[in-house]
Amino acid sequence: MFTARILGAAALALGFIDIGPVQAQARERAPVSKVLLENNKVRVIETTFLPGDVSRAVRKPRTDYIVTDGKLERTGKDGKKSVSERRGGTAVWMEADSDVVRNVGKTTYVVIEIENK
C-alpha cells in the first residue's frame, strides 16, 4: 500500500513536469481578425495584435496597410528570425508566407490585409 502511494505520487509529479510546456503553449494568444469585406475579387481583413500575440497562419500574397505602429518578429520555416518596425499610415506588399509572426512591441498593432482572389 505504501509502495502504491509512492508510485502514485511519482506518476503525478512526472505528469506535472510533462504538462508544463503544453500549458505554456496554451497561454499563447492569437491576434483577433475581422473580415471587413469579401467578394469574388477581394478579401479585406483587419487584424489586431496585442503585445505578445502570435499568428501562425498561412498567408496569401497581399497588401498590408498598417493602421498603428508596431514591432513584429517573424520566424521563417528555417528558424531564421527577423524583427521589423512598421509605421502607421504606410502600406507594404507581402509575398505568401507561413512565418510565425509575434508582436514583440509594447503597443497594440493593427493591420488591414487586402488579398486579391
C-alpha atoms as a PDB file:
ATOM      1  CA  MET A   1       0.000   0.000   0.000  1.00  0.00           C
ATOM      2  CA  PHE A   2       2.850   2.364   0.885  1.00  0.00           C
ATOM      3  CA  THR A   3       4.580   1.493  -2.405  1.00  0.00           C
ATOM      4  CA  ALA A   4       1.399   2.238  -4.346  1.00  0.00           C
ATOM      5  CA  ARG A   5       1.215   5.726  -2.762  1.00  0.00           C
ATOM      6  CA  ILE A   6       4.846   6.424  -3.631  1.00  0.00           C
ATOM      7  CA  LEU A   7       4.344   5.248  -7.212  1.00  0.00           C
ATOM      8  CA  GLY A   8       1.159   7.287  -7.489  1.00  0.00           C
ATOM      9  CA  ALA A   9       2.890  10.422  -6.164  1.00  0.00           C
ATOM     10  CA  ALA A  10       5.823   9.876  -8.551  1.00  0.00           C
ATOM     11  CA  ALA A  11       3.473   9.442 -11.525  1.00  0.00           C
ATOM     12  CA  LEU A  12       1.596  12.594 -10.535  1.00  0.00           C
ATOM     13  CA  ALA A  13       4.852  14.577 -10.193  1.00  0.00           C
ATOM     14  CA  LEU A  14       6.077  13.375 -13.591  1.00  0.00           C
ATOM     15  CA  GLY A  15       2.713  14.327 -15.061  1.00  0.00           C
ATOM     16  CA  PHE A  16       3.140  17.907 -13.863  1.00  0.00           C
ATOM     17  CA  ILE A  17       6.605  18.075 -15.399  1.00  0.00           C
ATOM     18  CA  ASP A  18       5.269  16.778 -18.686  1.00  0.00           C
ATOM     19  CA  ILE A  19       2.262  19.145 -18.729  1.00  0.00           C
ATOM     20  CA  GLY A  20       4.297  22.322 -18.145  1.00  0.00           C
ATOM     21  CA  PRO A  21       5.308  23.001 -21.787  1.00  0.00           C
ATOM     22  CA  VAL A  22       1.784  22.217 -23.017  1.00  0.00           C
ATOM     23  CA  GLN A  23       0.313  24.760 -20.613  1.00  0.00           C
ATOM     24  CA  ALA A  24       2.848  27.364 -21.750  1.00  0.00           C
ATOM     25  CA  GLN A  25       1.707  26.909 -25.365  1.00  0.00           C
ATOM     26  CA  ALA A  26      -1.951  27.109 -24.353  1.00  0.00           C
ATOM     27  CA  ARG A  27      -1.368  30.623 -22.945  1.00  0.00           C
ATOM     28  CA  GLU A  28      -0.138  31.886 -26.326  1.00  0.00           C
ATOM     29  CA  ARG A  29      -2.752  34.280 -27.711  1.00  0.00           C
ATOM     30  CA  ALA A  30      -3.632  34.592 -31.362  1.00  0.00           C
ATOM     31  CA  PRO A  31      -4.440  38.010 -32.820  1.00  0.00           C
ATOM     32  CA  VAL A  32      -8.079  38.892 -33.474  1.00  0.00           C
ATOM     33  CA  SER A  33      -9.065  39.071 -37.148  1.00  0.00           C
ATOM     34  CA  LYS A  34     -12.249  40.503 -38.605  1.00  0.00           C
ATOM     35  CA  VAL A  35     -13.308  40.278 -42.256  1.00  0.00           C
ATOM     36  CA  LEU A  36     -14.256  43.784 -43.386  1.00  0.00           C
ATOM     37  CA  LEU A  37     -15.133  42.901 -46.985  1.00  0.00           C
ATOM     38  CA  GLU A  38     -15.243  39.727 -49.034  1.00  0.00           C
ATOM     39  CA  ASN A  39     -16.498  39.133 -52.529  1.00  0.00           C
ATOM     40  CA  ASN A  40     -15.387  37.191 -55.625  1.00  0.00           C
ATOM     41  CA  LYS A  41     -12.484  39.619 -56.283  1.00  0.00           C
ATOM     42  CA  VAL A  42     -11.035  40.622 -52.926  1.00  0.00           C
ATOM     43  CA  ARG A  43     -10.879  39.848 -49.206  1.00  0.00           C
ATOM     44  CA  VAL A  44     -10.104  42.624 -46.692  1.00  0.00           C
ATOM     45  CA  ILE A  45      -9.189  41.607 -43.141  1.00  0.00           C
ATOM     46  CA  GLU A  46      -8.423  43.757 -40.099  1.00  0.00           C
ATOM     47  CA  THR A  47      -6.082  42.031 -37.634  1.00  0.00           C
ATOM     48  CA  THR A  48      -5.293  43.312 -34.141  1.00  0.00           C
ATOM     49  CA  PHE A  49      -2.205  42.029 -32.317  1.00  0.00           C
ATOM     50  CA  LEU A  50      -1.965  42.763 -28.605  1.00  0.00           C
ATOM     51  CA  PRO A  51       1.598  42.746 -27.251  1.00  0.00           C
ATOM     52  CA  GLY A  52       2.786  39.119 -27.265  1.00  0.00           C
ATOM     53  CA  ASP A  53       0.116  37.841 -29.682  1.00  0.00           C
ATOM     54  CA  VAL A  54       1.341  35.213 -32.152  1.00  0.00           C
ATOM     55  CA  SER A  55      -0.005  34.431 -35.632  1.00  0.00           C
ATOM     56  CA  ARG A  56       0.695  31.001 -37.107  1.00  0.00           C
ATOM     57  CA  ALA A  57      -1.416  31.491 -40.238  1.00  0.00           C
ATOM     58  CA  VAL A  58      -0.692  30.568 -43.835  1.00  0.00           C
ATOM     59  CA  ARG A  59      -0.987  33.866 -45.676  1.00  0.00           C
ATOM     60  CA  LYS A  60      -1.574  34.559 -49.374  1.00  0.00           C
ATOM     61  CA  PRO A  61       0.197  37.347 -51.308  1.00  0.00           C
ATOM     62  CA  ARG A  62      -1.309  40.594 -50.087  1.00  0.00           C
ATOM     63  CA  THR A  63      -1.044  44.301 -49.499  1.00  0.00           C
ATOM     64  CA  ASP A  64      -0.801  45.241 -45.819  1.00  0.00           C
ATOM     65  CA  TYR A  65      -1.978  48.680 -44.730  1.00  0.00           C
ATOM     66  CA  ILE A  66      -0.509  49.428 -41.308  1.00  0.00           C
ATOM     67  CA  VAL A  67      -3.011  51.267 -39.112  1.00  0.00           C
ATOM     68  CA  THR A  68      -0.888  51.614 -35.956  1.00  0.00           C
ATOM     69  CA  ASP A  69       2.861  51.472 -35.366  1.00  0.00           C
ATOM     70  CA  GLY A  70       4.213  48.093 -34.311  1.00  0.00           C
ATOM     71  CA  LYS A  71       7.265  45.926 -33.837  1.00  0.00           C
ATOM     72  CA  LEU A  72       6.983  42.394 -35.235  1.00  0.00           C
ATOM     73  CA  GLU A  73       9.240  39.368 -35.051  1.00  0.00           C
ATOM     74  CA  ARG A  74       8.942  36.903 -37.945  1.00  0.00           C
ATOM     75  CA  THR A  75      10.271  33.345 -37.743  1.00  0.00           C
ATOM     76  CA  GLY A  76      10.582  31.536 -41.077  1.00  0.00           C
ATOM     77  CA  LYS A  77      10.338  27.805 -41.737  1.00  0.00           C
ATOM     78  CA  ASP A  78      14.138  27.630 -41.493  1.00  0.00           C
ATOM     79  CA  GLY A  79      14.011  29.051 -37.947  1.00  0.00           C
ATOM     80  CA  LYS A  80      15.596  32.345 -39.024  1.00  0.00           C
ATOM     81  CA  LYS A  81      14.191  35.344 -37.110  1.00  0.00           C
ATOM     82  CA  SER A  82      13.890  38.950 -38.199  1.00  0.00           C
ATOM     83  CA  VAL A  83      12.417  41.972 -36.438  1.00  0.00           C
ATOM     84  CA  SER A  84      10.752  44.829 -38.290  1.00  0.00           C
ATOM     85  CA  GLU A  85       9.127  48.048 -37.191  1.00  0.00           C
ATOM     86  CA  ARG A  86       6.016  49.090 -39.076  1.00  0.00           C
ATOM     87  CA  ARG A  87       4.728  52.654 -39.214  1.00  0.00           C
ATOM     88  CA  GLY A  88       1.043  53.549 -39.164  1.00  0.00           C
ATOM     89  CA  GLY A  89      -0.265  55.070 -42.384  1.00  0.00           C
ATOM     90  CA  THR A  90       2.037  53.049 -44.634  1.00  0.00           C
ATOM     91  CA  ALA A  91       1.433  50.111 -46.953  1.00  0.00           C
ATOM     92  CA  VAL A  92       3.677  47.211 -47.904  1.00  0.00           C
ATOM     93  CA  TRP A  93       3.474  44.318 -50.369  1.00  0.00           C
ATOM     94  CA  MET A  94       3.890  40.895 -48.723  1.00  0.00           C
ATOM     95  CA  GLU A  95       4.533  37.647 -50.574  1.00  0.00           C
ATOM     96  CA  ALA A  96       2.750  34.457 -49.495  1.00  0.00           C
ATOM     97  CA  ASP A  97       4.224  33.014 -46.314  1.00  0.00           C
ATOM     98  CA  SER A  98       3.615  30.815 -43.309  1.00  0.00           C
ATOM     99  CA  ASP A  99       6.020  32.627 -40.983  1.00  0.00           C
ATOM    100  CA  VAL A 100       5.261  32.744 -37.280  1.00  0.00           C
ATOM    101  CA  VAL A 101       4.597  36.418 -36.512  1.00  0.00           C
ATOM    102  CA  ARG A 102       4.790  37.786 -32.951  1.00  0.00           C
ATOM    103  CA  ASN A 103       4.057  41.310 -31.709  1.00  0.00           C
ATOM    104  CA  VAL A 104       7.248  41.986 -29.717  1.00  0.00           C
ATOM    105  CA  GLY A 105       6.375  45.656 -29.202  1.00  0.00           C
ATOM    106  CA  LYS A 106       4.710  47.251 -26.194  1.00  0.00           C
ATOM    107  CA  THR A 107       1.709  48.576 -28.115  1.00  0.00           C
ATOM    108  CA  THR A 108      -1.291  47.108 -29.919  1.00  0.00           C
ATOM    109  CA  TYR A 109      -0.545  46.626 -33.630  1.00  0.00           C
ATOM    110  CA  VAL A 110      -3.373  46.857 -36.170  1.00  0.00           C
ATOM    111  CA  VAL A 111      -3.032  45.931 -39.844  1.00  0.00           C
ATOM    112  CA  ILE A 112      -5.513  45.689 -42.715  1.00  0.00           C
ATOM    113  CA  GLU A 113      -4.704  42.954 -45.230  1.00  0.00           C
ATOM    114  CA  ILE A 114      -6.013  43.108 -48.793  1.00  0.00           C
ATOM    115  CA  GLU A 115      -5.905  39.787 -50.670  1.00  0.00           C
ATOM    116  CA  ASN A 116      -6.843  39.559 -54.348  1.00  0.00           C
ATOM    117  CA  LYS A 117      -8.736  36.424 -55.292  1.00  0.00           C
END
